[in-house]
């Protein structure tokens, strides 16, 4: 049996705002994750926006303590993983 080792989740801010109170973010989210020519992208299917794009350089960082970029937040450059948890 595999164990989920995820310590932080990426979520779309628009989905967070629109999620019905009786629904979990896990069931509400409609995210695709895939490889791009320059990294890994998390894409919100519902809102047709990029949640985050991680380059190989960003993946090599100790990014639990580093700011990341986020297409859903104002300015798009001040998101940290704890901000993205539900």
PDB file of N, CA and C in Angstrom:
ATOM      1  N   UNK A   1       0.839  -1.185   0.000  1.00  0.00           N
ATOM      2  CA  UNK A   1       0.000   0.000   0.000  1.00  0.00           C
ATOM      3  C   UNK A   1       0.880   1.243   0.000  1.00  0.00           C
ATOM      4  N   UNK A   2       0.600   2.151  -0.904  1.00  0.00           N
ATOM      5  CA  UNK A   2       1.337   3.414  -0.995  1.00  0.00           C
ATOM      6  C   UNK A   2       0.851   4.392   0.066  1.00  0.00           C
ATOM      7  N   UNK A   3       1.764   5.227   0.519  1.00  0.00           N
ATOM      8  CA  UNK A   3       1.439   6.252   1.509  1.00  0.00           C
ATOM      9  C   UNK A   3       1.553   7.613   0.850  1.00  0.00           C
ATOM     10  N   UNK A   4       0.554   8.463   1.034  1.00  0.00           N
ATOM     11  CA  UNK A   4       0.602   9.822   0.508  1.00  0.00           C
ATOM     12  C   UNK A   4       1.622  10.615   1.321  1.00  0.00           C
ATOM     13  N   UNK A   5       2.606  11.173   0.654  1.00  0.00           N
ATOM     14  CA  UNK A   5       3.673  11.916   1.326  1.00  0.00           C
ATOM     15  C   UNK A   5       3.585  13.417   1.080  1.00  0.00           C
ATOM     16  N   UNK A   6       2.471  13.873   0.558  1.00  0.00           N
ATOM     17  CA  UNK A   6       2.295  15.300   0.280  1.00  0.00           C
ATOM     18  C   UNK A   6       2.250  16.053   1.605  1.00  0.00           C
ATOM     19  N   UNK A   7       3.042  17.118   1.688  1.00  0.00           N
ATOM     20  CA  UNK A   7       3.051  17.925   2.910  1.00  0.00           C
ATOM     21  C   UNK A   7       2.402  19.288   2.698  1.00  0.00           C
ATOM     22  N   UNK A   8       2.135  19.650   1.462  1.00  0.00           N
ATOM     23  CA  UNK A   8       1.392  20.868   1.155  1.00  0.00           C
ATOM     24  C   UNK A   8       0.678  20.674  -0.175  1.00  0.00           C
ATOM     25  N   UNK A   9      -0.471  21.277  -0.322  1.00  0.00           N
ATOM     26  CA  UNK A   9      -1.261  21.133  -1.537  1.00  0.00           C
ATOM     27  C   UNK A   9      -1.334  22.471  -2.259  1.00  0.00           C
ATOM     28  N   UNK A  10      -1.395  22.416  -3.575  1.00  0.00           N
ATOM     29  CA  UNK A  10      -1.619  23.610  -4.374  1.00  0.00           C
ATOM     30  C   UNK A  10      -3.109  23.718  -4.627  1.00  0.00           C
ATOM     31  N   UNK A  11      -3.660  24.897  -4.425  1.00  0.00           N
ATOM     32  CA  UNK A  11      -5.077  25.110  -4.681  1.00  0.00           C
ATOM     33  C   UNK A  11      -5.265  26.413  -5.438  1.00  0.00           C
ATOM     34  N   UNK A  12      -6.297  26.462  -6.214  1.00  0.00           N
ATOM     35  CA  UNK A  12      -6.666  27.657  -6.959  1.00  0.00           C
ATOM     36  C   UNK A  12      -7.407  28.597  -6.008  1.00  0.00           C
ATOM     37  N   UNK A  13      -6.959  29.855  -5.934  1.00  0.00           N
ATOM     38  CA  UNK A  13      -7.610  30.823  -5.041  1.00  0.00           C
ATOM     39  C   UNK A  13      -9.058  31.076  -5.451  1.00  0.00           C
ATOM     40  N   UNK A  14      -9.348  31.079  -6.758  1.00  0.00           N
ATOM     41  CA  UNK A  14     -10.729  31.276  -7.213  1.00  0.00           C
ATOM     42  C   UNK A  14     -11.605  30.106  -6.766  1.00  0.00           C
ATOM     43  N   UNK A  15     -11.068  28.896  -6.839  1.00  0.00           N
ATOM     44  CA  UNK A  15     -11.822  27.728  -6.354  1.00  0.00           C
ATOM     45  C   UNK A  15     -12.047  27.815  -4.849  1.00  0.00           C
ATOM     46  N   UNK A  16     -11.047  28.281  -4.116  1.00  0.00           N
ATOM     47  CA  UNK A  16     -11.202  28.423  -2.668  1.00  0.00           C
ATOM     48  C   UNK A  16     -12.333  29.388  -2.349  1.00  0.00           C
ATOM     49  N   UNK A  17     -12.411  30.485  -3.089  1.00  0.00           N
ATOM     50  CA  UNK A  17     -13.471  31.477  -2.845  1.00  0.00           C
ATOM     51  C   UNK A  17     -14.846  30.944  -3.205  1.00  0.00           C
ATOM     52  N   UNK A  18     -14.953  30.126  -4.258  1.00  0.00           N
ATOM     53  CA  UNK A  18     -16.242  29.666  -4.761  1.00  0.00           C
ATOM     54  C   UNK A  18     -16.706  28.335  -4.185  1.00  0.00           C
ATOM     55  N   UNK A  19     -15.841  27.637  -3.482  1.00  0.00           N
ATOM     56  CA  UNK A  19     -16.168  26.308  -2.961  1.00  0.00           C
ATOM     57  C   UNK A  19     -17.361  26.380  -2.019  1.00  0.00           C
ATOM     58  N   UNK A  20     -18.382  25.563  -2.242  1.00  0.00           N
ATOM     59  CA  UNK A  20     -19.508  25.511  -1.304  1.00  0.00           C
ATOM     60  C   UNK A  20     -19.031  25.052   0.081  1.00  0.00           C
ATOM     61  N   UNK A  21     -19.638  25.569   1.107  1.00  0.00           N
ATOM     62  CA  UNK A  21     -19.197  25.268   2.478  1.00  0.00           C
ATOM     63  C   UNK A  21     -19.349  23.786   2.829  1.00  0.00           C
ATOM     64  N   UNK A  22     -20.253  23.096   2.153  1.00  0.00           N
ATOM     65  CA  UNK A  22     -20.458  21.670   2.453  1.00  0.00           C
ATOM     66  C   UNK A  22     -19.567  20.768   1.597  1.00  0.00           C
ATOM     67  N   UNK A  23     -18.633  21.333   0.850  1.00  0.00           N
ATOM     68  CA  UNK A  23     -17.766  20.574  -0.050  1.00  0.00           C
ATOM     69  C   UNK A  23     -16.319  20.675   0.422  1.00  0.00           C
ATOM     70  N   UNK A  24     -15.565  19.596   0.314  1.00  0.00           N
ATOM     71  CA  UNK A  24     -14.145  19.642   0.649  1.00  0.00           C
ATOM     72  C   UNK A  24     -13.377  20.168  -0.556  1.00  0.00           C
ATOM     73  N   UNK A  25     -12.231  20.792  -0.303  1.00  0.00           N
ATOM     74  CA  UNK A  25     -11.405  21.283  -1.403  1.00  0.00           C
ATOM     75  C   UNK A  25     -10.919  20.120  -2.261  1.00  0.00           C
ATOM     76  N   UNK A  26     -10.682  18.979  -1.626  1.00  0.00           N
ATOM     77  CA  UNK A  26     -10.236  17.789  -2.355  1.00  0.00           C
ATOM     78  C   UNK A  26     -11.244  17.392  -3.428  1.00  0.00           C
ATOM     79  N   UNK A  27     -12.532  17.441  -3.106  1.00  0.00           N
ATOM     80  CA  UNK A  27     -13.562  17.058  -4.069  1.00  0.00           C
ATOM     81  C   UNK A  27     -13.907  18.202  -5.024  1.00  0.00           C
ATOM     82  N   UNK A  28     -13.752  19.443  -4.581  1.00  0.00           N
ATOM     83  CA  UNK A  28     -14.119  20.612  -5.381  1.00  0.00           C
ATOM     84  C   UNK A  28     -13.071  20.938  -6.447  1.00  0.00           C
ATOM     85  N   UNK A  29     -11.808  20.769  -6.123  1.00  0.00           N
ATOM     86  CA  UNK A  29     -10.722  21.161  -7.031  1.00  0.00           C
ATOM     87  C   UNK A  29     -10.761  20.379  -8.330  1.00  0.00           C
ATOM     88  N   UNK A  30     -10.432  21.045  -9.411  1.00  0.00           N
ATOM     89  CA  UNK A  30     -10.322  20.405 -10.729  1.00  0.00           C
ATOM     90  C   UNK A  30      -8.975  20.811 -11.307  1.00  0.00           C
ATOM     91  N   UNK A  31      -7.945  20.158 -10.834  1.00  0.00           N
ATOM     92  CA  UNK A  31      -6.584  20.511 -11.225  1.00  0.00           C
ATOM     93  C   UNK A  31      -5.978  19.459 -12.139  1.00  0.00           C
ATOM     94  N   UNK A  32      -5.216  19.926 -13.108  1.00  0.00           N
ATOM     95  CA  UNK A  32      -4.379  19.052 -13.932  1.00  0.00           C
ATOM     96  C   UNK A  32      -2.934  19.376 -13.594  1.00  0.00           C
ATOM     97  N   UNK A  33      -2.101  18.363 -13.546  1.00  0.00           N
ATOM     98  CA  UNK A  33      -0.678  18.530 -13.286  1.00  0.00           C
ATOM     99  C   UNK A  33       0.063  17.859 -14.426  1.00  0.00           C
ATOM    100  N   UNK A  34       1.033  18.593 -14.980  1.00  0.00           N
ATOM    101  CA  UNK A  34       1.752  18.003 -16.097  1.00  0.00           C
ATOM    102  C   UNK A  34       3.089  18.660 -16.362  1.00  0.00           C
ATOM    103  N   UNK A  35       3.822  18.041 -17.264  1.00  0.00           N
ATOM    104  CA  UNK A  35       5.143  18.516 -17.661  1.00  0.00           C
ATOM    105  C   UNK A  35       4.987  19.550 -18.778  1.00  0.00           C
ATOM    106  N   UNK A  36       5.742  20.642 -18.685  1.00  0.00           N
ATOM    107  CA  UNK A  36       5.807  21.659 -19.730  1.00  0.00           C
ATOM    108  C   UNK A  36       7.225  21.645 -20.303  1.00  0.00           C
ATOM    109  N   UNK A  37       7.483  22.401 -21.356  1.00  0.00           N
ATOM    110  CA  UNK A  37       8.855  22.459 -21.881  1.00  0.00           C
ATOM    111  C   UNK A  37       9.869  22.987 -20.867  1.00  0.00           C
ATOM    112  N   UNK A  38       9.380  23.713 -19.844  1.00  0.00           N
ATOM    113  CA  UNK A  38      10.308  24.315 -18.880  1.00  0.00           C
ATOM    114  C   UNK A  38      10.088  23.889 -17.437  1.00  0.00           C
ATOM    115  N   UNK A  39       9.203  22.938 -17.177  1.00  0.00           N
ATOM    116  CA  UNK A  39       8.986  22.516 -15.792  1.00  0.00           C
ATOM    117  C   UNK A  39       7.711  21.718 -15.591  1.00  0.00           C
ATOM    118  N   UNK A  40       7.096  21.916 -14.437  1.00  0.00           N
ATOM    119  CA  UNK A  40       5.845  21.237 -14.068  1.00  0.00           C
ATOM    120  C   UNK A  40       4.803  22.303 -13.789  1.00  0.00           C
ATOM    121  N   UNK A  41       3.621  22.131 -14.372  1.00  0.00           N
ATOM    122  CA  UNK A  41       2.554  23.107 -14.198  1.00  0.00           C
ATOM    123  C   UNK A  41       1.352  22.478 -13.504  1.00  0.00           C
ATOM    124  N   UNK A  42       0.757  23.236 -12.590  1.00  0.00           N
ATOM    125  CA  UNK A  42      -0.536  22.885 -11.988  1.00  0.00           C
ATOM    126  C   UNK A  42      -1.542  23.857 -12.595  1.00  0.00           C
ATOM    127  N   UNK A  43      -2.566  23.318 -13.239  1.00  0.00           N
ATOM    128  CA  UNK A  43      -3.527  24.108 -14.002  1.00  0.00           C
ATOM    129  C   UNK A  43      -4.927  23.894 -13.444  1.00  0.00           C
ATOM    130  N   UNK A  44      -5.676  24.982 -13.204  1.00  0.00           N
ATOM    131  CA  UNK A  44      -7.065  24.875 -12.758  1.00  0.00           C
ATOM    132  C   UNK A  44      -7.955  24.733 -13.986  1.00  0.00           C
ATOM    133  N   UNK A  45      -8.601  23.586 -14.104  1.00  0.00           N
ATOM    134  CA  UNK A  45      -9.484  23.312 -15.229  1.00  0.00           C
ATOM    135  C   UNK A  45     -10.736  24.180 -15.143  1.00  0.00           C
ATOM    136  N   UNK A  46     -11.257  24.347 -13.946  1.00  0.00           N
ATOM    137  CA  UNK A  46     -12.492  25.114 -13.752  1.00  0.00           C
ATOM    138  C   UNK A  46     -12.320  26.571 -14.191  1.00  0.00           C
ATOM    139  N   UNK A  47     -11.223  27.197 -13.821  1.00  0.00           N
ATOM    140  CA  UNK A  47     -11.025  28.621 -14.094  1.00  0.00           C
ATOM    141  C   UNK A  47     -10.073  28.904 -15.252  1.00  0.00           C
ATOM    142  N   UNK A  48      -9.497  27.846 -15.808  1.00  0.00           N
ATOM    143  CA  UNK A  48      -8.572  27.967 -16.931  1.00  0.00           C
ATOM    144  C   UNK A  48      -7.431  28.936 -16.631  1.00  0.00           C
ATOM    145  N   UNK A  49      -6.820  28.718 -15.452  1.00  0.00           N
ATOM    146  CA  UNK A  49      -5.673  29.536 -15.060  1.00  0.00           C
ATOM    147  C   UNK A  49      -4.576  28.646 -14.477  1.00  0.00           C
ATOM    148  N   UNK A  50      -3.371  29.149 -14.559  1.00  0.00           N
ATOM    149  CA  UNK A  50      -2.225  28.454 -13.975  1.00  0.00           C
ATOM    150  C   UNK A  50      -2.220  28.703 -12.471  1.00  0.00           C
ATOM    151  N   UNK A  51      -2.129  27.631 -11.698  1.00  0.00           N
ATOM    152  CA  UNK A  51      -2.026  27.747 -10.243  1.00  0.00           C
ATOM    153  C   UNK A  51      -0.566  27.973  -9.866  1.00  0.00           C
ATOM    154  N   UNK A  52       0.316  27.180 -10.450  1.00  0.00           N
ATOM    155  CA  UNK A  52       1.749  27.343 -10.201  1.00  0.00           C
ATOM    156  C   UNK A  52       2.511  26.647 -11.327  1.00  0.00           C
ATOM    157  N   UNK A  53       3.682  27.177 -11.623  1.00  0.00           N
ATOM    158  CA  UNK A  53       4.592  26.532 -12.572  1.00  0.00           C
ATOM    159  C   UNK A  53       5.943  26.431 -11.889  1.00  0.00           C
ATOM    160  N   UNK A  54       6.455  25.231 -11.759  1.00  0.00           N
ATOM    161  CA  UNK A  54       7.728  25.001 -11.084  1.00  0.00           C
ATOM    162  C   UNK A  54       8.780  24.597 -12.100  1.00  0.00           C
ATOM    163  N   UNK A  55       9.879  25.336 -12.131  1.00  0.00           N
ATOM    164  CA  UNK A  55      11.002  25.019 -13.006  1.00  0.00           C
ATOM    165  C   UNK A  55      11.915  24.038 -12.281  1.00  0.00           C
ATOM    166  N   UNK A  56      12.817  23.381 -12.996  1.00  0.00           N
ATOM    167  CA  UNK A  56      13.762  22.474 -12.324  1.00  0.00           C
ATOM    168  C   UNK A  56      14.551  23.187 -11.218  1.00  0.00           C
ATOM    169  N   UNK A  57      14.897  24.448 -11.448  1.00  0.00           N
ATOM    170  CA  UNK A  57      15.625  25.205 -10.424  1.00  0.00           C
ATOM    171  C   UNK A  57      14.784  25.373  -9.162  1.00  0.00           C
ATOM    172  N   UNK A  58      13.509  25.661  -9.333  1.00  0.00           N
ATOM    173  CA  UNK A  58      12.624  25.816  -8.177  1.00  0.00           C
ATOM    174  C   UNK A  58      12.416  24.484  -7.464  1.00  0.00           C
ATOM    175  N   UNK A  59      12.375  23.398  -8.225  1.00  0.00           N
ATOM    176  CA  UNK A  59      12.187  22.081  -7.612  1.00  0.00           C
ATOM    177  C   UNK A  59      13.400  21.663  -6.790  1.00  0.00           C
ATOM    178  N   UNK A  60      14.569  22.180  -7.117  1.00  0.00           N
ATOM    179  CA  UNK A  60      15.780  21.836  -6.384  1.00  0.00           C
ATOM    180  C   UNK A  60      15.946  22.655  -5.110  1.00  0.00           C
ATOM    181  N   UNK A  61      15.200  23.747  -4.986  1.00  0.00           N
ATOM    182  CA  UNK A  61      15.279  24.586  -3.788  1.00  0.00           C
ATOM    183  C   UNK A  61      14.658  23.861  -2.599  1.00  0.00           C
ATOM    184  N   UNK A  62      15.032  24.311  -1.416  1.00  0.00           N
ATOM    185  CA  UNK A  62      14.306  23.894  -0.218  1.00  0.00           C
ATOM    186  C   UNK A  62      13.077  24.797  -0.172  1.00  0.00           C
ATOM    187  N   UNK A  63      12.097  24.507  -1.028  1.00  0.00           N
ATOM    188  CA  UNK A  63      11.014  25.447  -1.253  1.00  0.00           C
ATOM    189  C   UNK A  63       9.961  25.509  -0.165  1.00  0.00           C
ATOM    190  N   UNK A  64      10.097  24.723   0.870  1.00  0.00           N
ATOM    191  CA  UNK A  64       9.189  24.912   1.999  1.00  0.00           C
ATOM    192  C   UNK A  64       9.472  26.232   2.700  1.00  0.00           C
ATOM    193  N   UNK A  65      10.700  26.730   2.543  1.00  0.00           N
ATOM    194  CA  UNK A  65      11.074  27.995   3.165  1.00  0.00           C
ATOM    195  C   UNK A  65      11.244  29.113   2.151  1.00  0.00           C
ATOM    196  N   UNK A  66      10.993  28.842   0.872  1.00  0.00           N
ATOM    197  CA  UNK A  66      11.216  29.819  -0.184  1.00  0.00           C
ATOM    198  C   UNK A  66       9.895  30.315  -0.750  1.00  0.00           C
ATOM    199  N   UNK A  67       9.828  31.595  -1.133  1.00  0.00           N
ATOM    200  CA  UNK A  67       8.636  32.079  -1.831  1.00  0.00           C
ATOM    201  C   UNK A  67       8.539  31.440  -3.210  1.00  0.00           C
ATOM    202  N   UNK A  68       7.331  31.195  -3.672  1.00  0.00           N
ATOM    203  CA  UNK A  68       7.102  30.648  -5.005  1.00  0.00           C
ATOM    204  C   UNK A  68       6.194  31.608  -5.754  1.00  0.00           C
ATOM    205  N   UNK A  69       6.072  31.416  -7.039  1.00  0.00           N
ATOM    206  CA  UNK A  69       5.168  32.240  -7.817  1.00  0.00           C
ATOM    207  C   UNK A  69       3.815  31.553  -7.917  1.00  0.00           C
ATOM    208  N   UNK A  70       2.786  32.335  -8.048  1.00  0.00           N
ATOM    209  CA  UNK A  70       1.430  31.803  -8.094  1.00  0.00           C
ATOM    210  C   UNK A  70       0.582  32.697  -8.982  1.00  0.00           C
ATOM    211  N   UNK A  71      -0.093  32.124  -9.957  1.00  0.00           N
ATOM    212  CA  UNK A  71      -0.925  32.906 -10.863  1.00  0.00           C
ATOM    213  C   UNK A  71      -2.228  33.354 -10.213  1.00  0.00           C
ATOM    214  N   UNK A  72      -2.583  32.775  -9.081  1.00  0.00           N
ATOM    215  CA  UNK A  72      -3.875  33.072  -8.459  1.00  0.00           C
ATOM    216  C   UNK A  72      -3.825  34.216  -7.454  1.00  0.00           C
ATOM    217  N   UNK A  73      -2.653  34.569  -6.978  1.00  0.00           N
ATOM    218  CA  UNK A  73      -2.537  35.570  -5.920  1.00  0.00           C
ATOM    219  C   UNK A  73      -2.130  36.915  -6.489  1.00  0.00           C
ATOM    220  N   UNK A  74      -2.576  38.008  -5.860  1.00  0.00           N
ATOM    221  CA  UNK A  74      -2.182  39.330  -6.333  1.00  0.00           C
ATOM    222  C   UNK A  74      -0.658  39.449  -6.399  1.00  0.00           C
ATOM    223  N   UNK A  75      -0.160  39.942  -7.490  1.00  0.00           N
ATOM    224  CA  UNK A  75       1.280  40.076  -7.651  1.00  0.00           C
ATOM    225  C   UNK A  75       1.947  38.797  -8.097  1.00  0.00           C
ATOM    226  N   UNK A  76       1.376  37.655  -7.758  1.00  0.00           N
ATOM    227  CA  UNK A  76       1.853  36.371  -8.220  1.00  0.00           C
ATOM    228  C   UNK A  76       3.217  35.946  -7.746  1.00  0.00           C
ATOM    229  N   UNK A  77       3.776  36.612  -6.725  1.00  0.00           N
ATOM    230  CA  UNK A  77       5.142  36.235  -6.360  1.00  0.00           C
ATOM    231  C   UNK A  77       5.366  36.096  -4.854  1.00  0.00           C
ATOM    232  N   UNK A  78       4.316  36.093  -4.068  1.00  0.00           N
ATOM    233  CA  UNK A  78       4.507  36.056  -2.621  1.00  0.00           C
ATOM    234  C   UNK A  78       3.916  34.818  -1.955  1.00  0.00           C
ATOM    235  N   UNK A  79       3.684  33.780  -2.712  1.00  0.00           N
ATOM    236  CA  UNK A  79       3.034  32.589  -2.172  1.00  0.00           C
ATOM    237  C   UNK A  79       4.063  31.653  -1.559  1.00  0.00           C
ATOM    238  N   UNK A  80       3.766  31.152  -0.379  1.00  0.00           N
ATOM    239  CA  UNK A  80       4.587  30.111   0.252  1.00  0.00           C
ATOM    240  C   UNK A  80       3.694  28.890   0.425  1.00  0.00           C
ATOM    241  N   UNK A  81       4.258  27.695   0.528  1.00  0.00           N
ATOM    242  CA  UNK A  81       3.421  26.497   0.608  1.00  0.00           C
ATOM    243  C   UNK A  81       2.356  26.538   1.692  1.00  0.00           C
ATOM    244  N   UNK A  82       2.651  27.099   2.850  1.00  0.00           N
ATOM    245  CA  UNK A  82       1.646  27.118   3.925  1.00  0.00           C
ATOM    246  C   UNK A  82       0.434  27.925   3.509  1.00  0.00           C
ATOM    247  N   UNK A  83       0.613  28.910   2.610  1.00  0.00           N
ATOM    248  CA  UNK A  83      -0.487  29.719   2.095  1.00  0.00           C
ATOM    249  C   UNK A  83      -1.431  28.869   1.261  1.00  0.00           C
ATOM    250  N   UNK A  84      -0.914  27.807   0.666  1.00  0.00           N
ATOM    251  CA  UNK A  84      -1.692  27.018  -0.254  1.00  0.00           C
ATOM    252  C   UNK A  84      -2.400  25.840   0.410  1.00  0.00           C
ATOM    253  N   UNK A  85      -2.124  25.597   1.663  1.00  0.00           N
ATOM    254  CA  UNK A  85      -2.815  24.502   2.354  1.00  0.00           C
ATOM    255  C   UNK A  85      -4.273  24.832   2.560  1.00  0.00           C
ATOM    256  N   UNK A  86      -5.080  23.818   2.653  1.00  0.00           N
ATOM    257  CA  UNK A  86      -6.485  23.983   2.974  1.00  0.00           C
ATOM    258  C   UNK A  86      -6.705  23.732   4.433  1.00  0.00           C
TER     259      UNK A  86
END
